[in-house]
Amino acid sequence: MRGPEGWWRGKSTPAKVETYTRWSFHSFAVVEVATVGVAGFGEVGNPLAAWLFVTVCAHALLGTWTVARALDWTRGRRPQPLRLLWALGAVTALIGTGSLLLAHRGLPGSASDTAAGGIIGTVVIYGVGIVTLGIRDRRRVLMLVAGFTAGAALVPLLLGAAGTAALATAVAVLAGAGFLSYASVFSVWLLNAVYALDEARETRARLAVAEERLRFGRDLHDVMGRNLAVIALKSELAVQLSRRERPEAVEQMIEVQRIAHETQREVRDVVRGYRESDLSVELAGAQGVLTAAGIGCEVSGSTEGLPVEVQSALGWVVREATTNVLRHGDAGRCAVSVRRREGRVVLAVENDGARTASGSGSGSGSGSGSGGSGLAGLRERLAAVDGTLEAGPVREGVFRLVAEVPVTTAVVSAVVSAVVSEVAS
């Protein structure tokens, strides 16, 4: 069973920000009960303290419920909890008014004044801050703070308090509620911004794939469109000449055959250029993408002198590993190294964004298609050059992917492929 650390690491960055925001506001209930409810027993008599404790606990529970519903509404999971917001605002106003009555008409002495001051300074301020979570209009937020501030000044005056005392109460409510309301508005904005950035990152990855497909489609169209048009015209001409029993029909069909072979060769070149990649270019691109995503990336080693087949296979490893770091994990650091040892080239990609101990986090890959993404596709590409692939967690939260390719075998394979291609053409 995963512990708290595994549970936390299993969340995406937006989910972590949302969890932190929720529990930050939920902690207000604990602070409220501790500073007002529990402290009330030492400041007022036992019967009144019991009622005070129950009242504060009820307000804290109502505030916790409102926080959960308001943040769900912010993320579009629930409708706006208008009734709950009005209920919390009304209960907060009633508790604030009752605390002022306690101070001016309650028990004699400074104990009731201290308890009332604690309620005004905690319950009312926290209540206003929590209600702000469910309000999107900034003007309404200002009106809410102004309304409670005005009430904090008018109610003491109506109860016969001195003007300086009423002013001090109003200033305290204005400063506390204003600050907490600003913090609530900023927290909601930050939460929405983090989710928006995460969606933008996924959209950017999808657009990159779509752009590559369009490029490949344009290249094929440029190669195939012109040659197929020529083949169609010459074939039609050959048909006409053949019907007239002209010997030139044979020459036209020979030309069609030549153009068809030429087209086949050009298509192979396009596909080969699409599949093969320069390893140094892929490493630079991976470093740029990861750095732009806020992930520190360190690239070491040299790719000079590596055969084209090796660079192509390892380039796909770099692409897939980079994609998995961006999509499936929550890494803060990624290290990529290329080194040679005993006639083999070793590419290692290590990041600290593994979500689970089982290695299902970043870099683990998920695809299993024969030629697609994921570890299965990478193993098939590496197998073409007698390469191997190992992937898995090396320690808590760290995932490593290691690809090895024998350079000598790749060179022989390249020579054989070139000879076969030359013979076939």
Protein backbone atom coordinates (compact mmCIF):
# COMPACT_ATOMS: atom_id res chain seq x y z
CA MET A 1 0.00 0.00 0.00
CA ARG A 2 1.34 3.43 -0.89
CA GLY A 3 2.12 5.82 1.92
CA PRO A 4 1.48 9.57 2.05
CA GLU A 5 4.61 10.27 0.00
CA GLY A 6 3.52 7.89 -2.76
CA TRP A 7 0.02 9.35 -2.70
CA TRP A 8 1.45 12.86 -3.09
CA ARG A 9 3.92 11.92 -5.83
CA GLY A 10 1.15 10.15 -7.73
CA LYS A 11 -0.61 13.46 -8.33
CA SER A 12 0.02 15.74 -11.26
CA THR A 13 1.24 19.28 -10.67
CA PRO A 14 -2.26 20.84 -11.06
CA ALA A 15 -3.71 18.22 -8.70
CA LYS A 16 -1.01 19.03 -6.15
CA VAL A 17 -1.80 22.73 -6.34
CA GLU A 18 -5.52 21.99 -5.94
CA THR A 19 -4.91 19.72 -2.94
CA TYR A 20 -2.66 22.32 -1.31
CA THR A 21 -5.27 25.05 -1.90
CA ARG A 22 -8.11 22.94 -0.48
CA TRP A 23 -6.31 21.94 2.67
CA SER A 24 -5.00 25.44 3.22
CA PHE A 25 -8.58 26.70 3.44
CA HIS A 26 -9.74 23.63 5.36
CA SER A 27 -7.12 24.45 8.00
CA PHE A 28 -9.08 27.63 8.75
CA ALA A 29 -11.60 25.45 10.61
CA VAL A 30 -8.90 24.08 12.91
CA VAL A 31 -7.48 27.55 13.56
CA GLU A 32 -10.96 28.94 14.16
CA VAL A 33 -11.90 26.29 16.73
CA ALA A 34 -8.51 26.46 18.45
CA THR A 35 -8.26 30.25 18.72
CA VAL A 36 -11.90 31.05 19.51
CA GLY A 37 -13.76 27.94 20.64
CA VAL A 38 -11.17 26.38 22.94
CA ALA A 39 -9.83 29.71 24.19
CA GLY A 40 -13.36 30.75 25.15
CA PHE A 41 -13.41 28.37 28.10
CA GLY A 42 -10.72 30.37 29.82
CA GLU A 43 -12.32 33.76 29.17
CA VAL A 44 -16.01 33.32 29.97
CA GLY A 45 -18.08 31.12 32.24
CA ASN A 46 -18.60 27.46 31.55
CA PRO A 47 -22.26 27.65 30.34
CA LEU A 48 -21.52 30.50 27.96
CA ALA A 49 -18.22 28.92 26.89
CA ALA A 50 -20.01 25.72 25.92
CA TRP A 51 -22.46 27.61 23.73
CA LEU A 52 -19.58 29.60 22.26
CA PHE A 53 -17.65 26.43 21.46
CA VAL A 54 -20.65 24.79 19.77
CA THR A 55 -21.36 27.92 17.74
CA VAL A 56 -17.78 28.25 16.53
CA CYS A 57 -17.59 24.53 15.64
CA ALA A 58 -20.80 24.80 13.63
CA HIS A 59 -19.44 27.82 11.75
CA ALA A 60 -16.16 26.00 11.08
CA LEU A 61 -17.95 22.94 9.68
CA LEU A 62 -20.16 25.12 7.49
CA GLY A 63 -17.07 26.95 6.24
CA THR A 64 -15.31 23.65 5.42
CA TRP A 65 -18.31 22.45 3.44
CA THR A 66 -18.47 25.77 1.59
CA VAL A 67 -14.76 25.58 0.70
CA ALA A 68 -15.20 22.13 -0.87
CA ARG A 69 -18.26 23.13 -2.91
CA ALA A 70 -16.85 26.51 -3.96
CA LEU A 71 -13.58 25.01 -5.25
CA ASP A 72 -15.52 22.29 -7.08
CA TRP A 73 -17.53 25.06 -8.75
CA THR A 74 -14.32 26.86 -9.64
CA ARG A 75 -13.11 23.74 -11.49
CA GLY A 76 -16.49 23.31 -13.23
CA ARG A 77 -17.48 20.13 -11.37
CA ARG A 78 -20.55 21.53 -9.58
CA PRO A 79 -22.97 24.43 -9.98
CA GLN A 80 -22.27 27.57 -7.99
CA PRO A 81 -23.30 26.94 -4.34
CA LEU A 82 -25.31 30.15 -3.96
CA ARG A 83 -27.49 28.92 -1.10
CA LEU A 84 -24.47 27.69 0.81
CA LEU A 85 -22.70 31.03 0.31
CA TRP A 86 -25.73 32.96 1.52
CA ALA A 87 -26.07 30.64 4.51
CA LEU A 88 -22.43 31.06 5.51
CA GLY A 89 -22.65 34.84 5.09
CA ALA A 90 -25.82 35.02 7.20
CA VAL A 91 -24.41 32.78 9.95
CA THR A 92 -21.19 34.81 9.99
CA ALA A 93 -23.17 38.06 10.33
CA LEU A 94 -25.29 36.62 13.13
CA ILE A 95 -22.27 35.35 15.03
CA GLY A 96 -20.53 38.72 14.62
CA THR A 97 -23.62 40.58 15.86
CA GLY A 98 -23.96 38.17 18.79
CA SER A 99 -20.34 38.70 19.77
CA LEU A 100 -20.88 42.45 19.88
CA LEU A 101 -23.96 41.92 22.06
CA LEU A 102 -21.81 39.76 24.31
CA ALA A 103 -19.25 42.52 24.62
CA HIS A 104 -21.69 45.37 25.32
CA ARG A 105 -24.57 43.68 27.12
CA GLY A 106 -23.17 40.38 28.25
CA LEU A 107 -21.05 39.48 31.21
CA PRO A 108 -19.33 42.32 33.00
CA GLY A 109 -15.57 42.65 32.85
CA SER A 110 -12.97 42.31 30.19
CA ALA A 111 -13.46 38.57 29.60
CA SER A 112 -16.52 39.05 27.41
CA ASP A 113 -14.77 41.86 25.53
CA THR A 114 -11.83 39.56 24.84
CA ALA A 115 -14.09 36.76 23.63
CA ALA A 116 -16.02 39.16 21.39
CA GLY A 117 -12.79 40.50 19.95
CA GLY A 118 -11.64 36.96 19.19
CA ILE A 119 -14.87 36.19 17.34
CA ILE A 120 -14.72 39.41 15.33
CA GLY A 121 -11.06 38.83 14.53
CA THR A 122 -11.46 35.19 13.52
CA VAL A 123 -14.98 34.03 12.72
CA VAL A 124 -16.09 37.09 10.75
CA ILE A 125 -12.82 37.45 8.85
CA TYR A 126 -12.62 33.74 7.98
CA GLY A 127 -16.27 33.70 6.98
CA VAL A 128 -15.83 36.57 4.54
CA GLY A 129 -12.67 35.01 3.09
CA ILE A 130 -14.39 31.67 2.48
CA VAL A 131 -17.46 33.25 0.88
CA THR A 132 -15.11 35.01 -1.53
CA LEU A 133 -14.06 31.61 -2.94
CA GLY A 134 -17.51 31.22 -4.49
CA ILE A 135 -17.65 34.69 -6.05
CA ARG A 136 -16.08 35.40 -9.42
CA ASP A 137 -17.00 39.07 -9.81
CA ARG A 138 -14.39 41.33 -8.19
CA ARG A 139 -16.94 44.10 -7.57
CA ARG A 140 -19.08 41.74 -5.55
CA VAL A 141 -16.06 40.79 -3.50
CA LEU A 142 -15.43 44.45 -2.73
CA MET A 143 -19.09 44.92 -1.85
CA LEU A 144 -18.95 41.91 0.49
CA VAL A 145 -15.91 43.25 2.34
CA ALA A 146 -17.37 46.75 2.46
CA GLY A 147 -20.69 45.45 3.78
CA PHE A 148 -19.15 43.55 6.69
CA THR A 149 -16.87 46.49 7.43
CA ALA A 150 -19.83 48.85 7.56
CA GLY A 151 -21.71 46.40 9.78
CA ALA A 152 -18.73 46.16 12.12
CA ALA A 153 -18.89 49.94 12.53
CA LEU A 154 -22.67 50.48 12.68
CA VAL A 155 -23.65 47.67 15.07
CA PRO A 156 -21.36 48.86 17.92
CA LEU A 157 -22.62 52.43 17.44
CA LEU A 158 -26.23 51.24 17.66
CA LEU A 159 -25.36 49.36 20.81
CA GLY A 160 -23.95 52.52 22.39
CA ALA A 161 -20.23 51.89 21.94
CA ALA A 162 -17.78 54.73 21.63
CA GLY A 163 -16.87 55.97 18.17
CA THR A 164 -13.21 55.03 18.57
CA ALA A 165 -14.15 51.46 19.52
CA ALA A 166 -16.50 51.15 16.53
CA LEU A 167 -13.81 52.55 14.23
CA ALA A 168 -11.21 50.13 15.59
CA THR A 169 -13.56 47.19 15.02
CA ALA A 170 -14.31 48.31 11.47
CA VAL A 171 -10.61 48.78 10.65
CA ALA A 172 -9.80 45.31 12.02
CA VAL A 173 -12.54 43.70 9.91
CA LEU A 174 -11.51 45.70 6.82
CA ALA A 175 -7.85 44.75 7.13
CA GLY A 176 -8.42 41.07 7.96
CA ALA A 177 -11.31 40.38 5.60
CA GLY A 178 -9.72 42.41 2.81
CA PHE A 179 -6.44 40.50 3.04
CA LEU A 180 -8.09 37.08 3.24
CA SER A 181 -10.45 37.91 0.37
CA TYR A 182 -7.48 38.93 -1.75
CA ALA A 183 -5.75 35.66 -0.83
CA SER A 184 -8.87 33.71 -1.83
CA VAL A 185 -9.18 35.46 -5.19
CA PHE A 186 -5.48 34.96 -5.90
CA SER A 187 -5.62 31.26 -4.90
CA VAL A 188 -8.51 30.62 -7.28
CA TRP A 189 -6.72 32.49 -10.08
CA LEU A 190 -3.51 30.55 -9.48
CA LEU A 191 -5.34 27.21 -9.44
CA ASN A 192 -7.09 27.96 -12.74
CA ALA A 193 -3.83 29.22 -14.26
CA VAL A 194 -1.98 26.01 -13.36
CA TYR A 195 -4.69 23.87 -14.95
CA ALA A 196 -4.71 26.11 -18.03
CA LEU A 197 -0.94 25.80 -18.41
CA ASP A 198 -1.13 22.03 -18.10
CA GLU A 199 -3.81 21.89 -20.79
CA ALA A 200 -1.71 24.19 -22.99
CA ARG A 201 1.27 21.88 -22.62
CA GLU A 202 -0.79 18.88 -23.75
CA THR A 203 -2.20 20.92 -26.62
CA ARG A 204 1.32 21.91 -27.69
CA ALA A 205 2.36 18.25 -27.78
CA ARG A 206 -0.68 17.33 -29.90
CA LEU A 207 0.00 20.24 -32.26
CA ALA A 208 3.60 19.14 -32.67
CA VAL A 209 2.41 15.66 -33.71
CA ALA A 210 -0.17 17.14 -36.09
CA GLU A 211 2.43 19.45 -37.62
CA GLU A 212 4.78 16.53 -38.24
CA ARG A 213 1.98 14.58 -39.91
CA LEU A 214 1.18 17.54 -42.14
CA ARG A 215 4.82 17.89 -43.10
CA PHE A 216 5.04 14.22 -43.98
CA GLY A 217 1.81 14.48 -45.98
CA ARG A 218 3.09 17.50 -47.90
CA ASP A 219 6.35 15.72 -48.74
CA LEU A 220 4.51 12.67 -50.04
CA HIS A 221 2.13 14.85 -52.06
CA ASP A 222 5.01 16.74 -53.64
CA VAL A 223 6.73 13.49 -54.62
CA MET A 224 3.75 11.42 -55.64
CA GLY A 225 1.50 14.07 -57.19
CA ARG A 226 3.77 15.18 -60.01
CA ASN A 227 5.10 11.71 -60.89
CA LEU A 228 1.67 10.07 -60.84
CA ALA A 229 0.34 12.78 -63.15
CA VAL A 230 3.17 12.10 -65.60
CA ILE A 231 2.57 8.34 -65.36
CA ALA A 232 -1.12 8.82 -66.09
CA LEU A 233 -0.44 10.99 -69.15
CA LYS A 234 2.22 8.68 -70.60
CA SER A 235 0.04 5.61 -69.97
CA GLU A 236 -2.84 7.27 -71.82
CA LEU A 237 -0.47 8.14 -74.66
CA ALA A 238 0.82 4.56 -74.77
CA VAL A 239 -2.76 3.27 -74.99
CA GLN A 240 -3.50 5.54 -77.95
CA LEU A 241 -0.26 4.56 -79.70
CA SER A 242 -0.94 0.89 -79.03
CA ARG A 243 -4.37 1.12 -80.62
CA ARG A 244 -2.75 2.57 -83.71
CA GLU A 245 -0.12 -0.18 -83.61
CA ARG A 246 2.64 2.35 -83.34
CA PRO A 247 6.03 1.11 -82.01
CA GLU A 248 6.43 4.23 -79.91
CA ALA A 249 3.96 2.74 -77.39
CA VAL A 250 6.71 0.45 -76.10
CA GLU A 251 9.00 3.41 -75.50
CA GLN A 252 6.26 5.23 -73.60
CA MET A 253 5.66 2.22 -71.33
CA ILE A 254 9.41 1.92 -70.72
CA GLU A 255 9.36 5.56 -69.67
CA VAL A 256 6.37 4.88 -67.39
CA GLN A 257 8.29 2.02 -65.81
CA ARG A 258 11.32 4.26 -65.26
CA ILE A 259 9.20 7.00 -63.65
CA ALA A 260 7.49 4.42 -61.41
CA HIS A 261 10.86 3.13 -60.18
CA GLU A 262 12.04 6.70 -59.66
CA THR A 263 8.90 7.49 -57.68
CA GLN A 264 9.42 4.40 -55.56
CA ARG A 265 12.97 5.49 -54.79
CA GLU A 266 11.87 9.02 -53.91
CA VAL A 267 9.17 7.70 -51.57
CA ARG A 268 11.77 5.55 -49.83
CA ASP A 269 13.95 8.62 -49.40
CA VAL A 270 11.05 10.59 -47.90
CA VAL A 271 10.14 7.80 -45.49
CA ARG A 272 13.77 7.25 -44.59
CA GLY A 273 14.19 10.94 -43.88
CA TYR A 274 11.06 10.86 -41.75
CA ARG A 275 12.08 7.83 -39.75
CA GLU A 276 15.76 8.60 -39.38
CA SER A 277 16.84 11.40 -37.12
CA ASP A 278 20.00 13.18 -36.13
CA LEU A 279 20.69 12.23 -32.50
CA SER A 280 22.37 15.55 -31.71
CA VAL A 281 19.34 17.43 -33.04
CA GLU A 282 16.99 15.26 -30.98
CA LEU A 283 19.07 15.85 -27.84
CA ALA A 284 19.04 19.60 -28.36
CA GLY A 285 15.31 19.57 -29.04
CA ALA A 286 14.60 17.50 -25.93
CA GLN A 287 16.66 19.85 -23.79
CA GLY A 288 14.82 22.87 -25.17
CA VAL A 289 11.36 21.37 -24.70
CA LEU A 290 12.04 20.18 -21.15
CA THR A 291 13.60 23.48 -20.16
CA ALA A 292 10.60 25.37 -21.54
CA ALA A 293 8.35 23.12 -19.45
CA GLY A 294 10.24 24.07 -16.28
CA ILE A 295 12.23 20.80 -16.06
CA GLY A 296 15.97 21.11 -15.62
CA CYS A 297 17.66 19.06 -18.35
CA GLU A 298 21.35 18.16 -18.52
CA VAL A 299 22.77 16.55 -21.67
CA SER A 300 26.25 14.99 -21.70
CA GLY A 301 28.29 12.96 -24.17
CA SER A 302 29.09 13.18 -27.88
CA THR A 303 27.26 11.74 -30.91
CA GLU A 304 30.03 12.27 -33.43
CA GLY A 305 30.92 9.30 -35.62
CA LEU A 306 27.80 7.25 -34.86
CA PRO A 307 26.21 5.44 -37.82
CA VAL A 308 22.96 6.79 -39.22
CA GLU A 309 21.02 3.69 -38.11
CA VAL A 310 22.24 4.08 -34.53
CA GLN A 311 21.40 7.76 -34.42
CA SER A 312 17.96 7.08 -35.87
CA ALA A 313 17.13 4.37 -33.32
CA LEU A 314 18.46 6.34 -30.36
CA GLY A 315 16.73 9.48 -31.63
CA TRP A 316 13.39 7.71 -31.26
CA VAL A 317 14.37 6.72 -27.72
CA VAL A 318 15.03 10.36 -26.90
CA ARG A 319 11.69 11.41 -28.41
CA GLU A 320 9.70 8.81 -26.50
CA ALA A 321 11.50 9.43 -23.21
CA THR A 322 10.97 13.18 -23.51
CA THR A 323 7.29 12.71 -24.29
CA ASN A 324 6.82 10.47 -21.26
CA VAL A 325 8.61 12.90 -18.95
CA LEU A 326 6.25 15.65 -20.10
CA ARG A 327 3.01 13.66 -20.09
CA HIS A 328 3.22 10.86 -17.55
CA GLY A 329 5.35 12.23 -14.73
CA ASP A 330 6.00 15.26 -12.61
CA ALA A 331 9.74 15.62 -12.99
CA GLY A 332 11.83 18.53 -11.87
CA ARG A 333 15.12 17.23 -13.29
CA CYS A 334 16.11 15.08 -16.25
CA ALA A 335 19.60 13.91 -17.22
CA VAL A 336 20.47 12.48 -20.65
CA SER A 337 23.88 10.94 -21.32
CA VAL A 338 25.49 9.33 -24.38
CA ARG A 339 28.65 7.29 -23.86
CA ARG A 340 30.56 4.52 -25.60
CA ARG A 341 31.99 1.38 -24.07
CA GLU A 342 33.39 -1.80 -25.58
CA GLY A 343 32.00 -1.28 -29.07
CA ARG A 344 28.57 -0.22 -27.85
CA VAL A 345 26.87 3.14 -27.50
CA VAL A 346 24.75 3.63 -24.39
CA LEU A 347 21.98 6.22 -24.08
CA ALA A 348 20.61 6.80 -20.56
CA VAL A 349 17.64 9.03 -19.69
CA GLU A 350 16.99 9.53 -15.98
CA ASN A 351 14.35 11.72 -14.34
CA ASP A 352 12.94 12.22 -10.85
CA GLY A 353 9.27 12.21 -11.88
CA ALA A 354 8.34 8.54 -11.40
CA ARG A 355 4.87 8.48 -9.89
CA THR A 356 4.88 5.03 -8.37
CA ALA A 357 7.41 2.52 -7.21
CA SER A 358 6.25 0.14 -9.88
CA GLY A 359 7.63 2.37 -12.55
CA SER A 360 4.43 3.47 -14.13
CA GLY A 361 5.43 7.02 -13.97
CA SER A 362 7.36 9.16 -16.33
CA GLY A 363 9.48 7.48 -18.81
CA SER A 364 7.81 4.13 -18.48
CA GLY A 365 5.83 4.44 -21.64
CA SER A 366 2.42 3.07 -22.22
CA GLY A 367 2.11 2.09 -25.79
CA SER A 368 2.44 -1.42 -26.97
CA GLY A 369 1.80 -1.05 -30.64
CA SER A 370 4.19 -2.63 -33.01
CA GLY A 371 5.38 0.55 -34.50
CA GLY A 372 3.99 3.17 -32.23
CA SER A 373 5.06 4.81 -29.06
CA GLY A 374 5.91 3.14 -25.78
CA LEU A 375 8.54 0.64 -24.76
CA ALA A 376 7.31 -2.04 -27.17
CA GLY A 377 7.79 0.24 -30.17
CA LEU A 378 11.22 1.34 -28.97
CA ARG A 379 12.37 -2.26 -28.45
CA GLU A 380 11.33 -3.12 -32.00
CA ARG A 381 13.25 -0.18 -33.42
CA LEU A 382 16.33 -1.07 -31.38
CA ALA A 383 16.06 -4.74 -32.33
CA ALA A 384 16.56 -3.74 -35.98
CA VAL A 385 20.14 -2.71 -35.03
CA ASP A 386 20.61 -5.47 -32.42
CA GLY A 387 20.00 -3.01 -29.60
CA THR A 388 18.45 -3.53 -26.15
CA LEU A 389 16.29 -1.42 -23.89
CA GLU A 390 15.95 -1.43 -20.10
CA ALA A 391 13.56 0.78 -18.17
CA GLY A 392 12.45 0.94 -14.57
CA PRO A 393 12.80 2.74 -11.23
CA VAL A 394 16.30 2.82 -9.77
CA ARG A 395 15.33 4.39 -6.44
CA GLU A 396 12.39 6.14 -4.86
CA GLY A 397 10.84 8.52 -7.37
CA VAL A 398 13.66 8.13 -9.96
CA PHE A 399 13.08 6.43 -13.31
CA ARG A 400 15.85 5.44 -15.69
CA LEU A 401 15.70 4.32 -19.32
CA VAL A 402 18.85 2.78 -20.84
CA ALA A 403 19.28 1.87 -24.52
CA GLU A 404 22.37 0.04 -25.82
CA VAL A 405 23.29 -0.46 -29.47
CA PRO A 406 26.40 -2.27 -30.78
CA VAL A 407 28.17 0.09 -33.16
CA THR A 408 29.96 -2.62 -35.14
CA THR A 409 26.74 -4.50 -35.90
CA ALA A 410 25.07 -1.30 -36.96
CA VAL A 411 27.88 -0.53 -39.40
CA VAL A 412 27.64 -3.99 -40.97
CA SER A 413 23.86 -3.67 -41.14
CA ALA A 414 24.18 -0.33 -42.88
CA VAL A 415 26.60 -1.75 -45.47
CA VAL A 416 24.36 -4.74 -46.16
CA SER A 417 21.28 -2.53 -46.49
CA ALA A 418 23.09 -0.27 -48.92
CA VAL A 419 24.21 -3.23 -51.05
CA VAL A 420 20.74 -4.77 -51.09
CA SER A 421 19.18 -1.45 -52.02
CA GLU A 422 21.67 -0.95 -54.81
CA VAL A 423 21.05 -4.42 -56.21
CA ALA A 424 17.27 -4.00 -56.02
CA SER A 425 17.40 -0.74 -57.92
